[in-house]
Amino acid sequence: MRKWMLTGLLAGLAFAASAQDHANSPIGKWRTLDDKTGKPMTVTEVYAAKNGTLAAKIVENLGLPATCSECSGPYKDKPFVGIVTLSNLKPNKDGGWSGDGYKPSEDRHFNAKSVKLIDGGKKLEIKGCVAFICRTATWVRVD
């Protein structure tokens, strides 16, 4: 009986630690949504990059064409899966991260001015700017 109680207690603590990590870190998988329709477009994974920053890449295509005909450079006519959408994310003053962004569906590079967790870590808000024009997207955690 004690062994079962101990096992249950340890599992509960592991779950609580995992839930707290989710609330404090954007690392994990996120569902991206179309700006206009709200329909799911991709599952994008935020991960720790080799250079000590955070980055994100598309790991599942949910509603885009198979390949990126709008993309330029190395992503031209390649599958959306594998495209890096956020890079060089470093902590900033507002408690989030900032770095570089790329929106492949529009072949647009942008300044990821603010990437921050909201709603207790269940959502990720990305504010991207090109010159002085900024837009905000919200991703929803899937893991």
N, C-alpha and C. Protein backbone atom coordinates (compact mmCIF):
# COMPACT_ATOMS: atom_id res chain seq x y z
N MET A 1 0.82 -1.18 0.00
CA MET A 1 0.00 0.00 0.00
C MET A 1 0.87 1.26 0.00
N ARG A 2 1.92 1.27 0.82
CA ARG A 2 2.80 2.43 0.88
C ARG A 2 3.51 2.66 -0.45
N LYS A 3 3.88 1.57 -1.10
CA LYS A 3 4.59 1.69 -2.38
C LYS A 3 3.69 2.39 -3.40
N TRP A 4 2.40 2.05 -3.44
CA TRP A 4 1.46 2.69 -4.37
C TRP A 4 1.28 4.16 -4.04
N MET A 5 1.21 4.48 -2.76
CA MET A 5 1.04 5.87 -2.35
C MET A 5 2.27 6.69 -2.74
N LEU A 6 3.46 6.13 -2.53
CA LEU A 6 4.70 6.81 -2.88
C LEU A 6 4.78 7.02 -4.39
N THR A 7 4.42 6.00 -5.15
CA THR A 7 4.43 6.11 -6.60
C THR A 7 3.46 7.20 -7.06
N GLY A 8 2.28 7.25 -6.49
CA GLY A 8 1.30 8.27 -6.83
C GLY A 8 1.77 9.66 -6.48
N LEU A 9 2.41 9.80 -5.31
CA LEU A 9 2.93 11.09 -4.88
C LEU A 9 4.03 11.57 -5.83
N LEU A 10 4.95 10.68 -6.20
CA LEU A 10 6.03 11.06 -7.11
C LEU A 10 5.50 11.44 -8.49
N ALA A 11 4.52 10.70 -8.98
CA ALA A 11 3.91 11.03 -10.27
C ALA A 11 3.23 12.39 -10.21
N GLY A 12 2.55 12.67 -9.11
CA GLY A 12 1.90 13.97 -8.94
C GLY A 12 2.89 15.11 -8.92
N LEU A 13 4.02 14.92 -8.23
CA LEU A 13 5.05 15.95 -8.18
C LEU A 13 5.67 16.18 -9.56
N ALA A 14 5.90 15.12 -10.30
CA ALA A 14 6.45 15.25 -11.65
C ALA A 14 5.49 16.01 -12.54
N PHE A 15 4.20 15.72 -12.44
CA PHE A 15 3.19 16.42 -13.23
C PHE A 15 3.15 17.90 -12.85
N ALA A 16 3.21 18.21 -11.57
CA ALA A 16 3.17 19.60 -11.10
C ALA A 16 4.39 20.36 -11.60
N ALA A 17 5.57 19.73 -11.55
CA ALA A 17 6.78 20.39 -12.05
C ALA A 17 6.68 20.64 -13.54
N SER A 18 6.15 19.67 -14.28
CA SER A 18 5.97 19.82 -15.72
C SER A 18 4.99 20.95 -16.03
N ALA A 19 3.90 21.03 -15.29
CA ALA A 19 2.91 22.09 -15.50
C ALA A 19 3.52 23.45 -15.21
N GLN A 20 4.35 23.54 -14.17
CA GLN A 20 4.98 24.82 -13.84
C GLN A 20 5.96 25.21 -14.93
N ASP A 21 6.73 24.26 -15.47
CA ASP A 21 7.65 24.54 -16.57
C ASP A 21 6.89 25.11 -17.75
N HIS A 22 5.72 24.55 -18.07
CA HIS A 22 4.91 25.05 -19.17
C HIS A 22 4.52 26.51 -18.95
N ALA A 23 4.25 26.88 -17.72
CA ALA A 23 3.82 28.24 -17.42
C ALA A 23 4.97 29.24 -17.54
N ASN A 24 6.22 28.76 -17.49
CA ASN A 24 7.37 29.66 -17.49
C ASN A 24 8.23 29.59 -18.74
N SER A 25 8.01 28.61 -19.59
CA SER A 25 8.87 28.42 -20.75
C SER A 25 8.05 28.19 -22.02
N PRO A 26 8.46 28.83 -23.11
CA PRO A 26 7.76 28.59 -24.36
C PRO A 26 8.19 27.31 -25.07
N ILE A 27 9.16 26.60 -24.52
CA ILE A 27 9.65 25.38 -25.16
C ILE A 27 8.51 24.37 -25.21
N GLY A 28 8.26 23.83 -26.39
CA GLY A 28 7.19 22.87 -26.59
C GLY A 28 6.52 23.10 -27.93
N LYS A 29 5.40 22.43 -28.15
CA LYS A 29 4.70 22.49 -29.43
C LYS A 29 3.49 23.42 -29.32
N TRP A 30 3.28 24.18 -30.41
CA TRP A 30 2.24 25.20 -30.47
C TRP A 30 1.47 25.11 -31.77
N ARG A 31 0.17 25.28 -31.70
CA ARG A 31 -0.69 25.32 -32.89
C ARG A 31 -0.76 26.78 -33.34
N THR A 32 -0.35 27.03 -34.59
CA THR A 32 -0.45 28.38 -35.15
C THR A 32 -1.78 28.50 -35.87
N LEU A 33 -2.33 29.70 -35.86
CA LEU A 33 -3.66 29.93 -36.44
C LEU A 33 -3.57 30.98 -37.54
N ASP A 34 -4.39 30.81 -38.57
CA ASP A 34 -4.47 31.79 -39.65
C ASP A 34 -4.98 33.12 -39.10
N ASP A 35 -4.32 34.21 -39.46
CA ASP A 35 -4.69 35.55 -38.96
C ASP A 35 -6.12 35.92 -39.28
N LYS A 36 -6.59 35.53 -40.46
CA LYS A 36 -7.90 35.97 -40.93
C LYS A 36 -9.03 35.01 -40.56
N THR A 37 -8.79 33.71 -40.69
CA THR A 37 -9.86 32.73 -40.48
C THR A 37 -9.84 32.08 -39.10
N GLY A 38 -8.69 32.12 -38.44
CA GLY A 38 -8.55 31.46 -37.14
C GLY A 38 -8.36 29.96 -37.24
N LYS A 39 -8.28 29.42 -38.46
CA LYS A 39 -8.10 27.98 -38.65
C LYS A 39 -6.65 27.58 -38.37
N PRO A 40 -6.43 26.38 -37.82
CA PRO A 40 -5.07 25.90 -37.57
C PRO A 40 -4.27 25.79 -38.87
N MET A 41 -3.02 26.26 -38.82
CA MET A 41 -2.15 26.20 -39.99
C MET A 41 -1.02 25.19 -39.82
N THR A 42 -0.36 25.26 -38.65
CA THR A 42 0.79 24.39 -38.41
C THR A 42 0.87 24.03 -36.94
N VAL A 43 1.71 23.04 -36.65
CA VAL A 43 2.21 22.84 -35.30
C VAL A 43 3.68 23.23 -35.40
N THR A 44 4.06 24.17 -34.54
CA THR A 44 5.42 24.70 -34.54
C THR A 44 6.04 24.40 -33.19
N GLU A 45 7.28 23.94 -33.21
CA GLU A 45 7.97 23.59 -31.97
C GLU A 45 9.01 24.64 -31.61
N VAL A 46 8.91 25.16 -30.39
CA VAL A 46 9.92 26.07 -29.86
C VAL A 46 10.93 25.20 -29.12
N TYR A 47 12.21 25.44 -29.38
CA TYR A 47 13.27 24.61 -28.81
C TYR A 47 14.49 25.46 -28.47
N ALA A 48 15.36 24.91 -27.64
CA ALA A 48 16.62 25.57 -27.31
C ALA A 48 17.60 25.34 -28.46
N ALA A 49 18.07 26.42 -29.06
CA ALA A 49 19.01 26.32 -30.18
C ALA A 49 20.43 26.09 -29.65
N LYS A 50 21.31 25.66 -30.52
CA LYS A 50 22.68 25.36 -30.13
C LYS A 50 23.44 26.59 -29.65
N ASN A 51 23.03 27.78 -30.10
CA ASN A 51 23.76 29.00 -29.71
C ASN A 51 23.26 29.58 -28.39
N GLY A 52 22.40 28.85 -27.66
CA GLY A 52 21.92 29.31 -26.36
C GLY A 52 20.66 30.16 -26.42
N THR A 53 20.13 30.40 -27.61
CA THR A 53 18.89 31.15 -27.75
C THR A 53 17.74 30.17 -27.97
N LEU A 54 16.53 30.68 -28.14
CA LEU A 54 15.39 29.85 -28.50
C LEU A 54 15.09 30.03 -29.98
N ALA A 55 14.50 29.01 -30.57
CA ALA A 55 14.10 29.06 -31.97
C ALA A 55 12.81 28.25 -32.12
N ALA A 56 12.18 28.38 -33.28
CA ALA A 56 10.95 27.62 -33.55
C ALA A 56 10.96 27.16 -35.00
N LYS A 57 10.47 25.95 -35.22
CA LYS A 57 10.34 25.44 -36.59
C LYS A 57 9.03 24.69 -36.73
N ILE A 58 8.54 24.65 -37.94
CA ILE A 58 7.29 23.94 -38.25
C ILE A 58 7.58 22.44 -38.21
N VAL A 59 6.75 21.71 -37.44
CA VAL A 59 6.93 20.25 -37.35
C VAL A 59 5.74 19.50 -37.92
N GLU A 60 4.63 20.19 -38.17
CA GLU A 60 3.45 19.55 -38.76
C GLU A 60 2.66 20.59 -39.54
N ASN A 61 2.24 20.22 -40.76
CA ASN A 61 1.45 21.09 -41.61
C ASN A 61 -0.02 20.71 -41.45
N LEU A 62 -0.84 21.67 -40.98
CA LEU A 62 -2.25 21.39 -40.73
C LEU A 62 -3.20 22.00 -41.77
N GLY A 63 -2.76 23.00 -42.49
CA GLY A 63 -3.69 23.66 -43.40
C GLY A 63 -3.04 24.48 -44.50
N LEU A 64 -1.78 24.25 -44.73
CA LEU A 64 -1.06 24.97 -45.78
C LEU A 64 -0.87 24.05 -46.97
N PRO A 65 -0.52 24.61 -48.13
CA PRO A 65 -0.15 23.73 -49.26
C PRO A 65 1.04 22.86 -48.85
N ALA A 66 1.30 21.82 -49.62
CA ALA A 66 2.39 20.90 -49.29
C ALA A 66 3.76 21.58 -49.30
N THR A 67 3.97 22.47 -50.27
CA THR A 67 5.26 23.16 -50.37
C THR A 67 5.06 24.66 -50.38
N CYS A 68 6.12 25.38 -50.09
CA CYS A 68 6.05 26.84 -50.00
C CYS A 68 6.49 27.48 -51.31
N SER A 69 5.53 27.67 -52.20
CA SER A 69 5.85 28.31 -53.48
C SER A 69 6.09 29.81 -53.32
N GLU A 70 5.57 30.41 -52.24
CA GLU A 70 5.77 31.84 -51.97
C GLU A 70 7.12 32.14 -51.34
N CYS A 71 7.76 31.12 -50.78
CA CYS A 71 9.04 31.32 -50.10
C CYS A 71 10.15 31.65 -51.09
N SER A 72 11.16 32.32 -50.58
CA SER A 72 12.34 32.60 -51.38
C SER A 72 13.54 31.94 -50.70
N GLY A 73 14.67 32.03 -51.31
CA GLY A 73 15.89 31.50 -50.71
C GLY A 73 15.85 30.00 -50.52
N PRO A 74 16.39 29.51 -49.40
CA PRO A 74 16.52 28.06 -49.21
C PRO A 74 15.19 27.33 -49.04
N TYR A 75 14.11 28.05 -48.77
CA TYR A 75 12.81 27.40 -48.56
C TYR A 75 11.94 27.38 -49.81
N LYS A 76 12.38 27.98 -50.90
CA LYS A 76 11.61 28.04 -52.14
C LYS A 76 11.22 26.63 -52.60
N ASP A 77 9.90 26.42 -52.73
CA ASP A 77 9.32 25.15 -53.21
C ASP A 77 9.68 23.94 -52.34
N LYS A 78 10.04 24.18 -51.10
CA LYS A 78 10.33 23.11 -50.14
C LYS A 78 9.10 22.90 -49.26
N PRO A 79 9.00 21.74 -48.60
CA PRO A 79 7.89 21.53 -47.66
C PRO A 79 7.91 22.55 -46.53
N PHE A 80 6.73 22.91 -46.04
CA PHE A 80 6.64 23.82 -44.90
C PHE A 80 7.27 23.20 -43.66
N VAL A 81 7.11 21.88 -43.50
CA VAL A 81 7.69 21.20 -42.34
C VAL A 81 9.21 21.37 -42.38
N GLY A 82 9.76 21.89 -41.31
CA GLY A 82 11.20 22.12 -41.22
C GLY A 82 11.59 23.59 -41.33
N ILE A 83 10.67 24.44 -41.79
CA ILE A 83 10.99 25.86 -41.93
C ILE A 83 11.11 26.48 -40.54
N VAL A 84 12.20 27.22 -40.33
CA VAL A 84 12.42 27.93 -39.07
C VAL A 84 11.65 29.24 -39.12
N THR A 85 10.77 29.46 -38.14
CA THR A 85 9.92 30.65 -38.13
C THR A 85 10.34 31.68 -37.09
N LEU A 86 11.04 31.26 -36.06
CA LEU A 86 11.59 32.18 -35.05
C LEU A 86 13.03 31.75 -34.78
N SER A 87 13.92 32.73 -34.59
CA SER A 87 15.31 32.39 -34.29
C SER A 87 15.94 33.49 -33.44
N ASN A 88 17.04 33.14 -32.82
CA ASN A 88 17.81 34.08 -31.99
C ASN A 88 16.97 34.76 -30.91
N LEU A 89 16.00 34.03 -30.34
CA LEU A 89 15.16 34.61 -29.28
C LEU A 89 15.95 34.68 -27.98
N LYS A 90 16.06 35.89 -27.45
CA LYS A 90 16.76 36.13 -26.18
C LYS A 90 15.80 36.80 -25.22
N PRO A 91 16.00 36.60 -23.91
CA PRO A 91 15.12 37.25 -22.93
C PRO A 91 15.14 38.77 -23.10
N ASN A 92 13.97 39.40 -22.91
CA ASN A 92 13.89 40.86 -22.98
C ASN A 92 13.31 41.42 -21.69
N LYS A 93 13.16 42.73 -21.64
CA LYS A 93 12.75 43.42 -20.41
C LYS A 93 11.32 43.12 -19.97
N ASP A 94 10.42 42.74 -20.92
CA ASP A 94 9.01 42.52 -20.53
C ASP A 94 8.74 41.10 -20.03
N GLY A 95 9.80 40.33 -19.81
CA GLY A 95 9.64 38.97 -19.30
C GLY A 95 9.44 37.95 -20.41
N GLY A 96 9.50 38.40 -21.64
CA GLY A 96 9.38 37.51 -22.80
C GLY A 96 10.72 37.37 -23.50
N TRP A 97 10.66 37.18 -24.79
CA TRP A 97 11.84 37.00 -25.62
C TRP A 97 11.69 37.86 -26.86
N SER A 98 12.80 38.18 -27.51
CA SER A 98 12.76 38.90 -28.77
C SER A 98 13.88 38.36 -29.66
N GLY A 99 13.69 38.50 -30.97
CA GLY A 99 14.67 37.99 -31.92
C GLY A 99 14.19 38.20 -33.35
N ASP A 100 14.39 37.19 -34.18
CA ASP A 100 14.06 37.27 -35.61
C ASP A 100 12.89 36.35 -35.93
N GLY A 101 12.09 36.77 -36.90
CA GLY A 101 10.95 35.96 -37.31
C GLY A 101 10.83 35.86 -38.82
N TYR A 102 10.15 34.82 -39.25
CA TYR A 102 9.88 34.60 -40.67
C TYR A 102 8.50 33.99 -40.82
N LYS A 103 7.66 34.62 -41.64
CA LYS A 103 6.32 34.09 -41.93
C LYS A 103 6.35 33.54 -43.35
N PRO A 104 6.50 32.21 -43.49
CA PRO A 104 6.68 31.63 -44.82
C PRO A 104 5.48 31.83 -45.74
N SER A 105 4.26 31.84 -45.20
CA SER A 105 3.09 31.98 -46.07
C SER A 105 3.05 33.34 -46.77
N GLU A 106 3.83 34.30 -46.27
CA GLU A 106 3.92 35.62 -46.90
C GLU A 106 5.35 35.95 -47.32
N ASP A 107 6.27 34.99 -47.15
CA ASP A 107 7.70 35.18 -47.42
C ASP A 107 8.18 36.50 -46.81
N ARG A 108 7.84 36.69 -45.53
CA ARG A 108 8.15 37.96 -44.87
C ARG A 108 9.02 37.73 -43.63
N HIS A 109 10.16 38.42 -43.61
CA HIS A 109 11.02 38.44 -42.43
C HIS A 109 10.56 39.59 -41.55
N PHE A 110 10.61 39.41 -40.24
CA PHE A 110 10.17 40.46 -39.33
C PHE A 110 10.98 40.44 -38.04
N ASN A 111 10.89 41.53 -37.31
CA ASN A 111 11.50 41.63 -36.00
C ASN A 111 10.52 41.05 -34.99
N ALA A 112 10.88 39.95 -34.36
CA ALA A 112 10.03 39.36 -33.32
C ALA A 112 10.27 40.20 -32.07
N LYS A 113 9.51 41.27 -31.97
CA LYS A 113 9.70 42.29 -30.93
C LYS A 113 9.37 41.76 -29.54
N SER A 114 8.33 40.91 -29.46
CA SER A 114 7.93 40.36 -28.17
C SER A 114 7.30 38.99 -28.37
N VAL A 115 7.87 38.00 -27.72
CA VAL A 115 7.32 36.65 -27.70
C VAL A 115 7.11 36.33 -26.23
N LYS A 116 5.84 36.25 -25.80
CA LYS A 116 5.61 36.04 -24.38
C LYS A 116 4.46 35.09 -24.12
N LEU A 117 4.59 34.39 -23.00
CA LEU A 117 3.56 33.45 -22.56
C LEU A 117 2.40 34.23 -21.96
N ILE A 118 1.18 33.80 -22.28
CA ILE A 118 -0.01 34.39 -21.68
C ILE A 118 -0.94 33.26 -21.26
N ASP A 119 -1.98 33.60 -20.55
CA ASP A 119 -3.00 32.63 -20.12
C ASP A 119 -2.36 31.45 -19.37
N GLY A 120 -1.46 31.75 -18.44
CA GLY A 120 -0.84 30.71 -17.62
C GLY A 120 0.06 29.77 -18.40
N GLY A 121 0.61 30.23 -19.52
CA GLY A 121 1.49 29.40 -20.33
C GLY A 121 0.77 28.56 -21.37
N LYS A 122 -0.54 28.73 -21.50
CA LYS A 122 -1.32 27.97 -22.47
C LYS A 122 -1.27 28.59 -23.86
N LYS A 123 -0.88 29.86 -23.93
CA LYS A 123 -0.81 30.56 -25.21
C LYS A 123 0.51 31.31 -25.30
N LEU A 124 0.94 31.53 -26.53
CA LEU A 124 2.16 32.27 -26.80
C LEU A 124 1.80 33.42 -27.72
N GLU A 125 2.08 34.63 -27.28
CA GLU A 125 1.74 35.82 -28.05
C GLU A 125 3.01 36.33 -28.73
N ILE A 126 2.96 36.45 -30.07
CA ILE A 126 4.12 36.88 -30.84
C ILE A 126 3.79 38.21 -31.49
N LYS A 127 4.53 39.24 -31.13
CA LYS A 127 4.36 40.56 -31.75
C LYS A 127 5.51 40.74 -32.72
N GLY A 128 5.17 40.83 -34.01
CA GLY A 128 6.17 40.99 -35.04
C GLY A 128 6.03 42.31 -35.75
N CYS A 129 7.17 42.94 -36.07
CA CYS A 129 7.15 44.25 -36.70
C CYS A 129 8.04 44.26 -37.94
N VAL A 130 7.54 44.94 -38.98
CA VAL A 130 8.32 45.27 -40.16
C VAL A 130 8.27 46.79 -40.22
N ALA A 131 9.43 47.42 -40.06
CA ALA A 131 9.52 48.88 -39.92
C ALA A 131 8.67 49.28 -38.71
N PHE A 132 7.68 50.13 -38.90
CA PHE A 132 6.84 50.57 -37.77
C PHE A 132 5.47 49.90 -37.77
N ILE A 133 5.25 48.95 -38.66
CA ILE A 133 3.97 48.24 -38.71
C ILE A 133 4.12 46.92 -37.96
N CYS A 134 3.28 46.76 -36.94
CA CYS A 134 3.36 45.57 -36.09
C CYS A 134 2.04 44.80 -36.12
N ARG A 135 2.14 43.48 -36.01
CA ARG A 135 0.97 42.60 -35.89
C ARG A 135 1.25 41.60 -34.79
N THR A 136 0.18 41.13 -34.17
CA THR A 136 0.31 40.16 -33.09
C THR A 136 -0.42 38.88 -33.47
N ALA A 137 0.24 37.76 -33.25
CA ALA A 137 -0.36 36.44 -33.47
C ALA A 137 -0.36 35.70 -32.13
N THR A 138 -1.32 34.82 -31.94
CA THR A 138 -1.40 34.01 -30.73
C THR A 138 -1.33 32.54 -31.12
N TRP A 139 -0.41 31.81 -30.52
CA TRP A 139 -0.30 30.38 -30.72
C TRP A 139 -0.86 29.69 -29.49
N VAL A 140 -1.37 28.47 -29.67
CA VAL A 140 -1.99 27.71 -28.58
C VAL A 140 -1.16 26.45 -28.32
N ARG A 141 -0.82 26.22 -27.06
CA ARG A 141 0.02 25.06 -26.70
C ARG A 141 -0.72 23.77 -27.01
N VAL A 142 0.01 22.79 -27.57
CA VAL A 142 -0.60 21.50 -27.89
C VAL A 142 -0.01 20.34 -27.10
N ASP A 143 1.04 20.57 -26.32
CA ASP A 143 1.61 19.45 -25.55
C ASP A 143 1.48 19.66 -24.08
